[in-house]
Each structure stands twice: as C-alpha cells, then as structure tokens.
C-alpha cells in the first residue's frame, strides 16, 4: 500500500526571485532520505520553472542540521525588503537561505 509521507509546499515571493520551500517531517521516516529527495526535487522544479535563484525558509531548532545538509546557511544576503511580510516569522525558528 502506498502512503503519503510528505507534501512539499512552496510560496513565491516578489517577482518569483525567491521562494520559501517547506517540507513537513515525520519522525518515523526521517532517516529514510525522503526529505532530502523531496527538497532536491522541489528546488530543481522551482529552478527549471521559475526565475527563482534564492530560497528562504524558517527551520525549527531540530531542522537546522537538515537544512545545512541541503546547502542552506544562516547568513542571509537576500534583500529583506523583498521578503519581509511574505515569510511567516516563527518564534523559536531560524531563518535560513540557499542560493542556486
């Protein structure tokens, strides 16, 4: 029987220059590599179908390591004026960016 283990979510931000990818996690399958495969697919899809080159996301404290493995950094260089108000600010979360 097939089951859905994650559902990617992507929000375009201002002129499609950036995006906020999100992948819900399920601890039962977190070591299987599905999250990495889905994130890579999501980034590739966005790069092929939009003009996006920068991805921003909020990582909770347990997900920072995962996003670092995906190439994200805490050093935000994307102009804040372009994304402020479009990305939800999570208390206890860390804003991270990847540029491709």
N, C-alpha and C. Protein backbone atom coordinates (compact mmCIF):
# COMPACT_ATOMS: atom_id res chain seq x y z
N UNK A 1 0.83 -1.17 0.00
CA UNK A 1 0.00 0.00 0.00
C UNK A 1 0.88 1.24 0.00
N UNK A 2 0.61 2.17 -0.87
CA UNK A 2 1.35 3.42 -0.91
C UNK A 2 0.77 4.38 0.10
N UNK A 3 1.65 5.19 0.71
CA UNK A 3 1.17 6.21 1.62
C UNK A 3 1.93 7.50 1.39
N UNK A 4 1.29 8.60 1.64
CA UNK A 4 1.92 9.91 1.50
C UNK A 4 2.74 10.16 2.75
N UNK A 5 4.03 10.47 2.56
CA UNK A 5 4.88 10.71 3.72
C UNK A 5 5.23 12.18 3.89
N UNK A 6 5.07 12.95 2.84
CA UNK A 6 5.32 14.38 2.95
C UNK A 6 4.62 15.09 1.80
N UNK A 7 4.39 16.35 1.99
CA UNK A 7 3.77 17.15 0.94
C UNK A 7 4.53 18.46 0.87
N UNK A 8 5.26 18.70 -0.22
CA UNK A 8 6.01 19.95 -0.31
C UNK A 8 5.09 21.14 -0.45
N UNK A 9 5.55 22.24 0.05
CA UNK A 9 4.80 23.50 -0.02
C UNK A 9 5.79 24.56 -0.47
N UNK A 10 5.38 25.36 -1.44
CA UNK A 10 6.27 26.38 -1.98
C UNK A 10 5.48 27.65 -2.16
N UNK A 11 6.02 28.75 -1.68
CA UNK A 11 5.36 30.05 -1.82
C UNK A 11 6.28 30.99 -2.60
N UNK A 12 5.77 31.53 -3.71
CA UNK A 12 6.55 32.50 -4.49
C UNK A 12 6.60 33.81 -3.72
N UNK A 13 7.73 34.48 -3.84
CA UNK A 13 7.91 35.76 -3.17
C UNK A 13 8.40 36.79 -4.16
N UNK A 14 7.68 37.88 -4.34
CA UNK A 14 8.08 39.04 -5.15
C UNK A 14 8.79 38.67 -6.45
N UNK A 15 8.13 38.81 -7.52
CA UNK A 15 8.71 38.64 -8.86
C UNK A 15 9.34 37.27 -9.08
N UNK A 16 8.98 36.31 -8.29
CA UNK A 16 9.50 34.95 -8.42
C UNK A 16 11.02 34.87 -8.32
N UNK A 17 11.65 35.84 -7.66
CA UNK A 17 13.10 35.79 -7.50
C UNK A 17 13.50 34.91 -6.33
N UNK A 18 12.57 34.61 -5.47
CA UNK A 18 12.89 33.78 -4.32
C UNK A 18 11.68 32.94 -3.97
N UNK A 19 11.90 31.97 -3.12
CA UNK A 19 10.80 31.13 -2.69
C UNK A 19 11.05 30.61 -1.30
N UNK A 20 9.99 30.11 -0.69
CA UNK A 20 10.09 29.53 0.64
C UNK A 20 9.64 28.07 0.57
N UNK A 21 10.59 27.14 0.47
CA UNK A 21 10.20 25.73 0.45
C UNK A 21 9.94 25.22 1.86
N UNK A 22 8.95 24.37 2.01
CA UNK A 22 8.66 23.76 3.31
C UNK A 22 8.35 22.29 3.09
N UNK A 23 8.90 21.46 3.94
CA UNK A 23 8.57 20.05 3.90
C UNK A 23 8.20 19.61 5.31
N UNK A 24 6.96 19.18 5.52
CA UNK A 24 6.60 18.66 6.83
C UNK A 24 7.41 17.40 7.11
N UNK A 25 7.70 17.14 8.35
CA UNK A 25 8.51 15.97 8.67
C UNK A 25 7.70 14.95 9.45
N UNK A 26 8.08 13.72 9.31
CA UNK A 26 7.50 12.62 10.06
C UNK A 26 8.68 11.85 10.63
N UNK A 27 8.81 11.83 11.94
CA UNK A 27 9.98 11.21 12.56
C UNK A 27 10.13 9.74 12.19
N UNK A 28 9.03 9.07 11.86
CA UNK A 28 9.11 7.65 11.52
C UNK A 28 9.87 7.39 10.22
N UNK A 29 9.93 8.37 9.33
CA UNK A 29 10.61 8.17 8.05
C UNK A 29 11.76 9.15 7.86
N UNK A 30 12.13 9.87 8.90
CA UNK A 30 13.14 10.92 8.74
C UNK A 30 14.51 10.40 8.38
N UNK A 31 14.82 9.17 8.69
CA UNK A 31 16.15 8.64 8.36
C UNK A 31 16.19 7.94 7.01
N UNK A 32 15.07 7.89 6.31
CA UNK A 32 14.99 7.20 5.03
C UNK A 32 15.50 8.04 3.86
N UNK A 33 15.71 9.33 4.06
CA UNK A 33 16.19 10.19 2.98
C UNK A 33 15.10 10.78 2.11
N UNK A 34 13.84 10.56 2.45
CA UNK A 34 12.75 11.09 1.64
C UNK A 34 12.73 12.61 1.64
N UNK A 35 13.00 13.22 2.79
CA UNK A 35 13.00 14.68 2.88
C UNK A 35 14.04 15.30 1.97
N UNK A 36 15.23 14.71 1.92
CA UNK A 36 16.29 15.21 1.04
C UNK A 36 15.90 15.06 -0.42
N UNK A 37 15.33 13.92 -0.76
CA UNK A 37 14.90 13.71 -2.15
C UNK A 37 13.82 14.70 -2.55
N UNK A 38 12.85 14.90 -1.66
CA UNK A 38 11.77 15.84 -1.95
C UNK A 38 12.28 17.27 -2.06
N UNK A 39 13.19 17.66 -1.16
CA UNK A 39 13.73 19.02 -1.20
C UNK A 39 14.53 19.23 -2.48
N UNK A 40 15.34 18.25 -2.87
CA UNK A 40 16.10 18.37 -4.11
C UNK A 40 15.16 18.47 -5.31
N UNK A 41 14.11 17.65 -5.32
CA UNK A 41 13.14 17.70 -6.41
C UNK A 41 12.46 19.07 -6.43
N UNK A 42 12.05 19.56 -5.26
CA UNK A 42 11.37 20.85 -5.18
C UNK A 42 12.27 21.98 -5.66
N UNK A 43 13.53 22.01 -5.21
CA UNK A 43 14.46 23.06 -5.66
C UNK A 43 14.69 22.97 -7.17
N UNK A 44 14.89 21.76 -7.68
CA UNK A 44 15.11 21.59 -9.12
C UNK A 44 13.88 22.04 -9.92
N UNK A 45 12.70 21.66 -9.46
CA UNK A 45 11.47 22.05 -10.15
C UNK A 45 11.33 23.57 -10.19
N UNK A 46 11.56 24.21 -9.07
CA UNK A 46 11.43 25.66 -8.99
C UNK A 46 12.46 26.34 -9.91
N UNK A 47 13.69 25.84 -9.90
CA UNK A 47 14.73 26.43 -10.74
C UNK A 47 14.42 26.27 -12.22
N UNK A 48 13.82 25.16 -12.60
CA UNK A 48 13.50 24.91 -14.01
C UNK A 48 12.26 25.65 -14.49
N UNK A 49 11.36 26.00 -13.57
CA UNK A 49 10.07 26.54 -13.96
C UNK A 49 9.81 27.98 -13.52
N UNK A 50 10.76 28.60 -12.85
CA UNK A 50 10.61 29.99 -12.42
C UNK A 50 11.95 30.69 -12.61
N UNK A 51 12.01 31.96 -12.25
CA UNK A 51 13.29 32.67 -12.29
C UNK A 51 13.94 32.71 -10.91
N UNK A 52 13.42 31.92 -9.98
CA UNK A 52 13.93 31.90 -8.61
C UNK A 52 15.37 31.41 -8.57
N UNK A 53 16.18 32.07 -7.78
CA UNK A 53 17.56 31.64 -7.54
C UNK A 53 17.88 31.57 -6.06
N UNK A 54 17.00 32.09 -5.23
CA UNK A 54 17.23 32.13 -3.79
C UNK A 54 16.05 31.50 -3.07
N UNK A 55 16.35 30.68 -2.08
CA UNK A 55 15.32 30.05 -1.28
C UNK A 55 15.51 30.45 0.18
N UNK A 56 14.44 30.85 0.83
CA UNK A 56 14.45 31.19 2.24
C UNK A 56 13.49 30.27 2.96
N UNK A 57 13.83 29.88 4.18
CA UNK A 57 12.93 29.07 4.99
C UNK A 57 13.22 29.31 6.46
N UNK A 58 12.25 29.07 7.28
CA UNK A 58 12.46 29.06 8.72
C UNK A 58 12.63 27.62 9.14
N UNK A 59 13.72 27.33 9.82
CA UNK A 59 13.98 26.00 10.33
C UNK A 59 13.79 26.01 11.84
N UNK A 60 13.03 25.03 12.35
CA UNK A 60 12.96 24.96 13.80
C UNK A 60 14.29 24.41 14.30
N UNK A 61 14.51 24.48 15.58
CA UNK A 61 15.82 24.12 16.14
C UNK A 61 16.24 22.69 15.80
N UNK A 62 15.29 21.81 15.59
CA UNK A 62 15.61 20.41 15.26
C UNK A 62 15.92 20.22 13.78
N UNK A 63 15.59 21.19 12.95
CA UNK A 63 15.76 21.04 11.50
C UNK A 63 16.96 21.81 10.95
N UNK A 64 17.66 22.56 11.78
CA UNK A 64 18.80 23.35 11.29
C UNK A 64 19.85 22.46 10.63
N UNK A 65 20.17 21.34 11.24
CA UNK A 65 21.16 20.42 10.66
C UNK A 65 20.72 19.90 9.31
N UNK A 66 19.45 19.56 9.18
CA UNK A 66 18.92 19.09 7.90
C UNK A 66 19.10 20.14 6.82
N UNK A 67 18.71 21.38 7.13
CA UNK A 67 18.81 22.44 6.12
C UNK A 67 20.27 22.76 5.79
N UNK A 68 21.17 22.67 6.76
CA UNK A 68 22.60 22.86 6.47
C UNK A 68 23.07 21.80 5.48
N UNK A 69 22.64 20.55 5.66
CA UNK A 69 23.00 19.48 4.73
C UNK A 69 22.45 19.75 3.33
N UNK A 70 21.35 20.49 3.25
CA UNK A 70 20.75 20.84 1.97
C UNK A 70 21.38 22.08 1.35
N UNK A 71 22.41 22.64 2.02
CA UNK A 71 23.11 23.80 1.47
C UNK A 71 22.64 25.14 2.00
N UNK A 72 21.69 25.14 2.92
CA UNK A 72 21.19 26.39 3.50
C UNK A 72 22.18 26.93 4.52
N UNK A 73 22.16 28.24 4.71
CA UNK A 73 23.02 28.91 5.68
C UNK A 73 22.20 29.90 6.48
N UNK A 74 22.71 30.25 7.66
CA UNK A 74 22.05 31.27 8.49
C UNK A 74 22.42 32.68 8.03
N UNK A 75 23.41 32.79 7.16
CA UNK A 75 23.86 34.10 6.65
C UNK A 75 22.91 34.54 5.53
N UNK A 76 22.02 35.46 5.85
CA UNK A 76 21.00 35.90 4.90
C UNK A 76 21.53 37.10 4.12
N UNK A 77 21.66 36.93 2.81
CA UNK A 77 22.13 38.02 1.95
C UNK A 77 21.01 38.58 1.08
N UNK A 78 19.90 37.87 1.01
CA UNK A 78 18.78 38.32 0.19
C UNK A 78 18.15 39.56 0.82
N UNK A 79 17.89 40.57 0.03
CA UNK A 79 17.37 41.86 0.50
C UNK A 79 16.08 41.66 1.30
N UNK A 80 16.12 42.02 2.57
CA UNK A 80 14.99 41.83 3.48
C UNK A 80 13.73 42.55 2.99
N UNK A 81 13.90 43.66 2.32
CA UNK A 81 12.73 44.41 1.82
C UNK A 81 11.92 43.60 0.82
N UNK A 82 12.55 42.63 0.17
CA UNK A 82 11.86 41.83 -0.84
C UNK A 82 11.06 40.67 -0.25
N UNK A 83 11.41 40.25 0.97
CA UNK A 83 10.71 39.10 1.53
C UNK A 83 9.96 39.38 2.83
N UNK A 84 10.24 40.49 3.49
CA UNK A 84 9.57 40.77 4.77
C UNK A 84 8.06 40.84 4.55
N UNK A 85 7.31 40.19 5.39
CA UNK A 85 5.87 40.15 5.26
C UNK A 85 5.35 39.01 4.40
N UNK A 86 6.24 38.34 3.66
CA UNK A 86 5.85 37.21 2.83
C UNK A 86 6.19 35.87 3.48
N UNK A 87 7.17 35.90 4.36
CA UNK A 87 7.57 34.69 5.07
C UNK A 87 7.17 34.85 6.52
N UNK A 88 6.45 33.87 7.04
CA UNK A 88 5.99 33.92 8.42
C UNK A 88 7.20 33.79 9.35
N UNK A 89 7.27 34.68 10.31
CA UNK A 89 8.35 34.68 11.31
C UNK A 89 7.95 33.73 12.43
N UNK A 90 8.71 32.66 12.59
CA UNK A 90 8.39 31.66 13.60
C UNK A 90 9.23 31.88 14.85
N UNK A 91 8.56 31.97 15.98
CA UNK A 91 9.28 32.06 17.25
C UNK A 91 9.96 30.72 17.49
N UNK A 92 11.22 30.75 17.82
CA UNK A 92 11.97 29.52 18.01
C UNK A 92 12.51 28.94 16.72
N UNK A 93 12.34 29.67 15.62
CA UNK A 93 12.85 29.22 14.33
C UNK A 93 14.03 30.07 13.89
N UNK A 94 14.78 29.56 12.95
CA UNK A 94 15.95 30.26 12.42
C UNK A 94 15.76 30.44 10.92
N UNK A 95 15.84 31.68 10.45
CA UNK A 95 15.75 31.95 9.02
C UNK A 95 17.02 31.45 8.34
N UNK A 96 16.84 30.71 7.25
CA UNK A 96 17.98 30.17 6.51
C UNK A 96 17.77 30.41 5.03
N UNK A 97 18.89 30.46 4.29
CA UNK A 97 18.87 30.79 2.86
C UNK A 97 19.78 29.85 2.10
N UNK A 98 19.39 29.54 0.88
CA UNK A 98 20.28 28.86 -0.05
C UNK A 98 20.15 29.59 -1.38
N UNK A 99 21.27 29.75 -2.07
CA UNK A 99 21.32 30.42 -3.37
C UNK A 99 21.79 29.41 -4.39
N UNK A 100 21.07 29.30 -5.53
CA UNK A 100 21.48 28.33 -6.55
C UNK A 100 21.60 28.99 -7.88
